[in-house]
Amino acid sequence: MNNVEIIRQFISEWDAPSPNGETLGSYFTENALYHNIPMEPVEGKVAITATLGGMAGMMTSKGWDLLNIVGEGNIVMTERIDKFEAGENKVALPVMGVFELTDGKIASWRDYFDLGTFQKQMAGG
């Protein structure tokens, strides 16, 4: 499986209403970095697994619409609309993601999005 296929598979995990944190964590290297750029980074597979599992517990995933995906070497870039519900609030967040892989595992994942758009949608706006 090449790097683009690995990221496609990772993205498909978010089709489940409550993605499994352990399954999501299995995609990462032990010393991986996950960074939603407007927020503080999360370092290490254990912390990433807990973070992603916690997110899945707070929100109902409605899947990610993958608009574009390109890969070159160990880099895979995605343009997506990440969809979920948090209580009564429906969120459809445009995101640009950059994944760096090492030996078939995610070593670094950076997501770029507008924090104001996210906050507005989370507030029901």
N, C-alpha and C. Protein backbone atom coordinates (compact mmCIF):
# COMPACT_ATOMS: atom_id res chain seq x y z
N MET A 1 0.86 -1.18 0.00
CA MET A 1 0.00 0.00 0.00
C MET A 1 0.91 1.23 0.00
N ASN A 2 0.65 2.15 -0.92
CA ASN A 2 1.48 3.37 -0.96
C ASN A 2 0.94 4.42 0.02
N ASN A 3 1.68 5.50 0.19
CA ASN A 3 1.34 6.52 1.19
C ASN A 3 -0.02 7.16 0.94
N VAL A 4 -0.37 7.43 -0.30
CA VAL A 4 -1.68 8.01 -0.61
C VAL A 4 -2.79 7.05 -0.19
N GLU A 5 -2.62 5.77 -0.47
CA GLU A 5 -3.63 4.78 -0.08
C GLU A 5 -3.76 4.69 1.44
N ILE A 6 -2.64 4.78 2.15
CA ILE A 6 -2.67 4.75 3.62
C ILE A 6 -3.49 5.92 4.15
N ILE A 7 -3.27 7.11 3.60
CA ILE A 7 -4.02 8.28 4.07
C ILE A 7 -5.48 8.19 3.67
N ARG A 8 -5.77 7.68 2.48
CA ARG A 8 -7.18 7.45 2.11
C ARG A 8 -7.86 6.52 3.12
N GLN A 9 -7.16 5.48 3.52
CA GLN A 9 -7.71 4.53 4.49
C GLN A 9 -7.90 5.22 5.84
N PHE A 10 -6.91 6.01 6.28
CA PHE A 10 -7.04 6.76 7.53
C PHE A 10 -8.26 7.67 7.50
N ILE A 11 -8.44 8.38 6.40
CA ILE A 11 -9.59 9.28 6.26
C ILE A 11 -10.90 8.50 6.31
N SER A 12 -10.92 7.31 5.72
CA SER A 12 -12.16 6.52 5.72
C SER A 12 -12.54 6.06 7.13
N GLU A 13 -11.58 6.02 8.06
CA GLU A 13 -11.90 5.68 9.46
C GLU A 13 -12.91 6.67 10.05
N TRP A 14 -12.89 7.90 9.53
CA TRP A 14 -13.78 8.95 10.03
C TRP A 14 -15.19 8.84 9.47
N ASP A 15 -15.45 7.82 8.64
CA ASP A 15 -16.81 7.56 8.17
C ASP A 15 -17.67 6.96 9.28
N ALA A 16 -17.03 6.34 10.26
CA ALA A 16 -17.76 5.78 11.40
C ALA A 16 -18.24 6.93 12.30
N PRO A 17 -19.45 6.83 12.83
CA PRO A 17 -19.95 7.91 13.70
C PRO A 17 -19.04 8.18 14.91
N SER A 18 -18.42 7.13 15.44
CA SER A 18 -17.50 7.28 16.57
C SER A 18 -16.23 6.49 16.28
N PRO A 19 -15.30 7.10 15.53
CA PRO A 19 -14.08 6.38 15.17
C PRO A 19 -13.32 5.90 16.41
N ASN A 20 -12.74 4.71 16.31
CA ASN A 20 -12.03 4.10 17.42
C ASN A 20 -10.67 4.75 17.59
N GLY A 21 -10.40 5.29 18.79
CA GLY A 21 -9.14 5.97 19.06
C GLY A 21 -7.94 5.06 18.89
N GLU A 22 -8.04 3.81 19.33
CA GLU A 22 -6.93 2.87 19.19
C GLU A 22 -6.64 2.58 17.72
N THR A 23 -7.69 2.42 16.94
CA THR A 23 -7.51 2.18 15.50
C THR A 23 -6.86 3.39 14.86
N LEU A 24 -7.34 4.58 15.18
CA LEU A 24 -6.74 5.80 14.63
C LEU A 24 -5.28 5.91 15.05
N GLY A 25 -4.99 5.64 16.30
CA GLY A 25 -3.63 5.71 16.81
C GLY A 25 -2.68 4.74 16.14
N SER A 26 -3.21 3.63 15.65
CA SER A 26 -2.36 2.61 15.03
C SER A 26 -1.72 3.10 13.73
N TYR A 27 -2.19 4.19 13.18
CA TYR A 27 -1.64 4.75 11.95
C TYR A 27 -0.36 5.56 12.20
N PHE A 28 -0.02 5.82 13.46
CA PHE A 28 1.06 6.75 13.78
C PHE A 28 2.33 6.05 14.26
N THR A 29 3.47 6.71 14.01
CA THR A 29 4.74 6.27 14.58
C THR A 29 4.74 6.59 16.08
N GLU A 30 5.64 5.97 16.83
CA GLU A 30 5.70 6.18 18.28
C GLU A 30 5.97 7.64 18.65
N ASN A 31 6.78 8.34 17.88
CA ASN A 31 7.14 9.72 18.21
C ASN A 31 6.48 10.74 17.27
N ALA A 32 5.31 10.40 16.77
CA ALA A 32 4.59 11.25 15.81
C ALA A 32 4.20 12.60 16.42
N LEU A 33 3.90 13.53 15.53
CA LEU A 33 3.42 14.86 15.89
C LEU A 33 2.09 15.10 15.18
N TYR A 34 1.08 15.55 15.93
CA TYR A 34 -0.23 15.93 15.35
C TYR A 34 -0.46 17.38 15.75
N HIS A 35 -0.68 18.23 14.75
CA HIS A 35 -0.82 19.65 15.04
C HIS A 35 -1.96 20.26 14.24
N ASN A 36 -3.04 20.60 14.92
CA ASN A 36 -4.04 21.50 14.36
C ASN A 36 -3.43 22.88 14.53
N ILE A 37 -3.03 23.47 13.43
CA ILE A 37 -2.16 24.65 13.48
C ILE A 37 -2.68 25.77 14.39
N PRO A 38 -3.99 26.04 14.48
CA PRO A 38 -4.40 27.11 15.39
C PRO A 38 -4.30 26.72 16.88
N MET A 39 -3.96 25.47 17.17
CA MET A 39 -3.95 24.98 18.54
C MET A 39 -2.58 24.43 18.90
N GLU A 40 -2.42 23.95 20.11
CA GLU A 40 -1.15 23.38 20.55
C GLU A 40 -0.94 22.00 19.92
N PRO A 41 0.29 21.65 19.57
CA PRO A 41 0.56 20.33 18.98
C PRO A 41 0.45 19.22 20.03
N VAL A 42 0.21 18.02 19.54
CA VAL A 42 0.17 16.82 20.37
C VAL A 42 1.33 15.95 19.93
N GLU A 43 2.14 15.49 20.88
CA GLU A 43 3.34 14.73 20.54
C GLU A 43 3.28 13.32 21.09
N GLY A 44 3.61 12.35 20.24
CA GLY A 44 3.71 10.95 20.64
C GLY A 44 2.43 10.18 20.35
N LYS A 45 2.61 8.92 19.98
CA LYS A 45 1.49 8.06 19.62
C LYS A 45 0.46 7.91 20.74
N VAL A 46 0.92 7.77 21.98
CA VAL A 46 0.00 7.59 23.11
C VAL A 46 -0.89 8.83 23.26
N ALA A 47 -0.29 10.01 23.23
CA ALA A 47 -1.06 11.26 23.37
C ALA A 47 -1.99 11.48 22.17
N ILE A 48 -1.52 11.16 20.98
CA ILE A 48 -2.35 11.31 19.78
C ILE A 48 -3.54 10.37 19.85
N THR A 49 -3.31 9.12 20.25
CA THR A 49 -4.39 8.14 20.38
C THR A 49 -5.44 8.65 21.36
N ALA A 50 -5.00 9.18 22.50
CA ALA A 50 -5.93 9.71 23.50
C ALA A 50 -6.69 10.92 22.97
N THR A 51 -5.99 11.81 22.27
CA THR A 51 -6.62 13.01 21.71
C THR A 51 -7.68 12.64 20.68
N LEU A 52 -7.32 11.78 19.74
CA LEU A 52 -8.27 11.40 18.70
C LEU A 52 -9.44 10.61 19.27
N GLY A 53 -9.17 9.75 20.24
CA GLY A 53 -10.24 9.01 20.90
C GLY A 53 -11.16 9.94 21.66
N GLY A 54 -10.59 10.95 22.30
CA GLY A 54 -11.39 11.94 23.02
C GLY A 54 -12.27 12.77 22.10
N MET A 55 -11.70 13.14 20.94
CA MET A 55 -12.49 13.89 19.95
C MET A 55 -13.67 13.05 19.49
N ALA A 56 -13.42 11.77 19.21
CA ALA A 56 -14.48 10.88 18.74
C ALA A 56 -15.57 10.74 19.81
N GLY A 57 -15.18 10.83 21.09
CA GLY A 57 -16.16 10.72 22.16
C GLY A 57 -16.99 11.97 22.35
N MET A 58 -16.50 13.13 21.91
CA MET A 58 -17.20 14.40 22.09
C MET A 58 -18.06 14.78 20.89
N MET A 59 -17.79 14.15 19.74
CA MET A 59 -18.46 14.53 18.50
C MET A 59 -18.93 13.28 17.77
N THR A 60 -19.92 13.46 16.93
CA THR A 60 -20.35 12.39 16.05
C THR A 60 -19.81 12.71 14.66
N SER A 61 -18.94 11.84 14.18
CA SER A 61 -18.36 12.07 12.85
C SER A 61 -19.41 11.85 11.78
N LYS A 62 -19.40 12.71 10.80
CA LYS A 62 -20.27 12.58 9.63
C LYS A 62 -19.43 12.37 8.38
N GLY A 63 -18.17 11.94 8.60
CA GLY A 63 -17.27 11.65 7.49
C GLY A 63 -16.52 12.89 7.04
N TRP A 64 -15.46 12.62 6.33
CA TRP A 64 -14.67 13.70 5.72
C TRP A 64 -14.84 13.61 4.22
N ASP A 65 -15.19 14.71 3.60
CA ASP A 65 -15.25 14.77 2.14
C ASP A 65 -13.84 15.09 1.64
N LEU A 66 -13.25 14.16 0.93
CA LEU A 66 -11.91 14.34 0.39
C LEU A 66 -12.04 15.00 -0.98
N LEU A 67 -11.66 16.26 -1.07
CA LEU A 67 -11.79 17.01 -2.31
C LEU A 67 -10.60 16.77 -3.23
N ASN A 68 -9.39 16.77 -2.65
CA ASN A 68 -8.17 16.54 -3.41
C ASN A 68 -7.15 15.84 -2.54
N ILE A 69 -6.35 14.99 -3.17
CA ILE A 69 -5.26 14.33 -2.46
C ILE A 69 -4.11 14.18 -3.44
N VAL A 70 -2.91 14.55 -2.99
CA VAL A 70 -1.71 14.39 -3.81
C VAL A 70 -0.60 13.85 -2.90
N GLY A 71 0.26 13.04 -3.51
CA GLY A 71 1.36 12.49 -2.76
C GLY A 71 2.64 12.51 -3.58
N GLU A 72 3.72 12.80 -2.90
CA GLU A 72 5.05 12.79 -3.52
C GLU A 72 6.02 12.31 -2.45
N GLY A 73 6.65 11.18 -2.69
CA GLY A 73 7.57 10.65 -1.70
C GLY A 73 6.85 10.35 -0.40
N ASN A 74 7.36 10.89 0.71
CA ASN A 74 6.75 10.63 2.01
C ASN A 74 5.70 11.67 2.42
N ILE A 75 5.35 12.59 1.51
CA ILE A 75 4.38 13.65 1.81
C ILE A 75 3.06 13.36 1.09
N VAL A 76 1.96 13.48 1.84
CA VAL A 76 0.61 13.40 1.25
C VAL A 76 -0.15 14.63 1.72
N MET A 77 -0.75 15.34 0.77
CA MET A 77 -1.52 16.54 1.10
C MET A 77 -2.98 16.31 0.74
N THR A 78 -3.86 16.76 1.63
CA THR A 78 -5.29 16.58 1.42
C THR A 78 -6.02 17.91 1.56
N GLU A 79 -7.02 18.09 0.72
CA GLU A 79 -7.98 19.18 0.87
C GLU A 79 -9.29 18.49 1.20
N ARG A 80 -9.90 18.88 2.35
CA ARG A 80 -11.05 18.14 2.84
C ARG A 80 -12.11 19.09 3.40
N ILE A 81 -13.29 18.52 3.56
CA ILE A 81 -14.33 19.11 4.39
C ILE A 81 -14.59 18.09 5.49
N ASP A 82 -14.18 18.41 6.72
CA ASP A 82 -14.38 17.51 7.85
C ASP A 82 -15.74 17.83 8.45
N LYS A 83 -16.59 16.80 8.49
CA LYS A 83 -17.97 17.00 8.96
C LYS A 83 -18.22 16.23 10.25
N PHE A 84 -18.86 16.89 11.20
CA PHE A 84 -19.25 16.23 12.43
C PHE A 84 -20.34 17.03 13.12
N GLU A 85 -20.94 16.43 14.11
CA GLU A 85 -21.92 17.09 14.95
C GLU A 85 -21.44 17.05 16.38
N ALA A 86 -21.61 18.17 17.07
CA ALA A 86 -21.30 18.26 18.49
C ALA A 86 -22.57 18.78 19.16
N GLY A 87 -23.30 17.90 19.80
CA GLY A 87 -24.60 18.28 20.33
C GLY A 87 -25.52 18.61 19.17
N GLU A 88 -26.10 19.80 19.20
CA GLU A 88 -27.00 20.24 18.13
C GLU A 88 -26.26 20.94 17.00
N ASN A 89 -24.96 21.17 17.18
CA ASN A 89 -24.20 21.94 16.21
C ASN A 89 -23.63 21.05 15.11
N LYS A 90 -23.90 21.45 13.87
CA LYS A 90 -23.36 20.75 12.70
C LYS A 90 -22.16 21.53 12.19
N VAL A 91 -21.06 20.83 12.00
CA VAL A 91 -19.82 21.46 11.55
C VAL A 91 -19.41 20.84 10.22
N ALA A 92 -19.05 21.71 9.28
CA ALA A 92 -18.47 21.31 8.00
C ALA A 92 -17.27 22.23 7.79
N LEU A 93 -16.09 21.75 8.18
CA LEU A 93 -14.91 22.60 8.27
C LEU A 93 -13.96 22.35 7.10
N PRO A 94 -13.68 23.37 6.28
CA PRO A 94 -12.66 23.23 5.24
C PRO A 94 -11.28 23.11 5.89
N VAL A 95 -10.53 22.10 5.46
CA VAL A 95 -9.23 21.79 6.06
C VAL A 95 -8.23 21.45 4.97
N MET A 96 -7.01 21.93 5.14
CA MET A 96 -5.88 21.49 4.32
C MET A 96 -4.96 20.71 5.25
N GLY A 97 -4.68 19.45 4.92
CA GLY A 97 -3.86 18.61 5.77
C GLY A 97 -2.58 18.18 5.08
N VAL A 98 -1.50 18.13 5.84
CA VAL A 98 -0.21 17.67 5.35
C VAL A 98 0.23 16.51 6.24
N PHE A 99 0.42 15.36 5.62
CA PHE A 99 0.86 14.15 6.31
C PHE A 99 2.26 13.80 5.84
N GLU A 100 3.14 13.49 6.79
CA GLU A 100 4.46 12.97 6.47
C GLU A 100 4.51 11.55 7.01
N LEU A 101 4.88 10.60 6.16
CA LEU A 101 4.90 9.21 6.56
C LEU A 101 6.32 8.65 6.59
N THR A 102 6.52 7.71 7.50
CA THR A 102 7.77 6.98 7.62
C THR A 102 7.41 5.50 7.72
N ASP A 103 7.91 4.71 6.79
CA ASP A 103 7.66 3.26 6.80
C ASP A 103 6.18 2.92 6.94
N GLY A 104 5.32 3.65 6.21
CA GLY A 104 3.90 3.35 6.18
C GLY A 104 3.10 3.86 7.37
N LYS A 105 3.72 4.65 8.24
CA LYS A 105 3.02 5.22 9.40
C LYS A 105 3.12 6.74 9.35
N ILE A 106 2.13 7.42 9.94
CA ILE A 106 2.12 8.87 9.98
C ILE A 106 3.12 9.33 11.05
N ALA A 107 4.12 10.09 10.60
CA ALA A 107 5.12 10.65 11.52
C ALA A 107 4.77 12.09 11.90
N SER A 108 4.05 12.76 11.02
CA SER A 108 3.63 14.14 11.26
C SER A 108 2.34 14.41 10.51
N TRP A 109 1.40 15.06 11.20
CA TRP A 109 0.12 15.44 10.59
C TRP A 109 -0.18 16.86 11.03
N ARG A 110 -0.24 17.75 10.04
CA ARG A 110 -0.57 19.15 10.30
C ARG A 110 -1.84 19.50 9.54
N ASP A 111 -2.84 20.01 10.26
CA ASP A 111 -4.08 20.47 9.64
C ASP A 111 -4.17 21.98 9.76
N TYR A 112 -4.48 22.62 8.65
CA TYR A 112 -4.63 24.07 8.57
C TYR A 112 -6.11 24.38 8.31
N PHE A 113 -6.68 25.20 9.18
CA PHE A 113 -8.08 25.61 9.02
C PHE A 113 -8.28 26.93 9.73
N ASP A 114 -9.40 27.57 9.45
CA ASP A 114 -9.72 28.85 10.06
C ASP A 114 -10.40 28.61 11.41
N LEU A 115 -9.72 29.01 12.48
CA LEU A 115 -10.25 28.79 13.82
C LEU A 115 -11.58 29.51 14.03
N GLY A 116 -11.74 30.70 13.46
CA GLY A 116 -13.00 31.44 13.59
C GLY A 116 -14.17 30.69 12.98
N THR A 117 -13.97 30.09 11.82
CA THR A 117 -15.01 29.29 11.18
C THR A 117 -15.40 28.11 12.09
N PHE A 118 -14.39 27.44 12.62
CA PHE A 118 -14.65 26.32 13.53
C PHE A 118 -15.43 26.78 14.76
N GLN A 119 -14.99 27.85 15.41
CA GLN A 119 -15.64 28.33 16.62
C GLN A 119 -17.06 28.77 16.35
N LYS A 120 -17.29 29.43 15.23
CA LYS A 120 -18.64 29.89 14.88
C LYS A 120 -19.58 28.70 14.69
N GLN A 121 -19.10 27.68 13.97
CA GLN A 121 -19.95 26.51 13.74
C GLN A 121 -20.19 25.73 15.02
N MET A 122 -19.18 25.66 15.89
CA MET A 122 -19.36 24.96 17.17
C MET A 122 -20.35 25.68 18.08
N ALA A 123 -20.49 26.99 17.87
CA ALA A 123 -21.44 27.79 18.66
C ALA A 123 -22.83 27.79 18.04
N GLY A 124 -22.99 27.07 16.91
CA GLY A 124 -24.29 26.98 16.28
C GLY A 124 -24.54 28.05 15.24
N GLY A 125 -23.48 28.77 14.84
CA GLY A 125 -23.64 29.84 13.86
C GLY A 125 -23.42 29.43 12.45
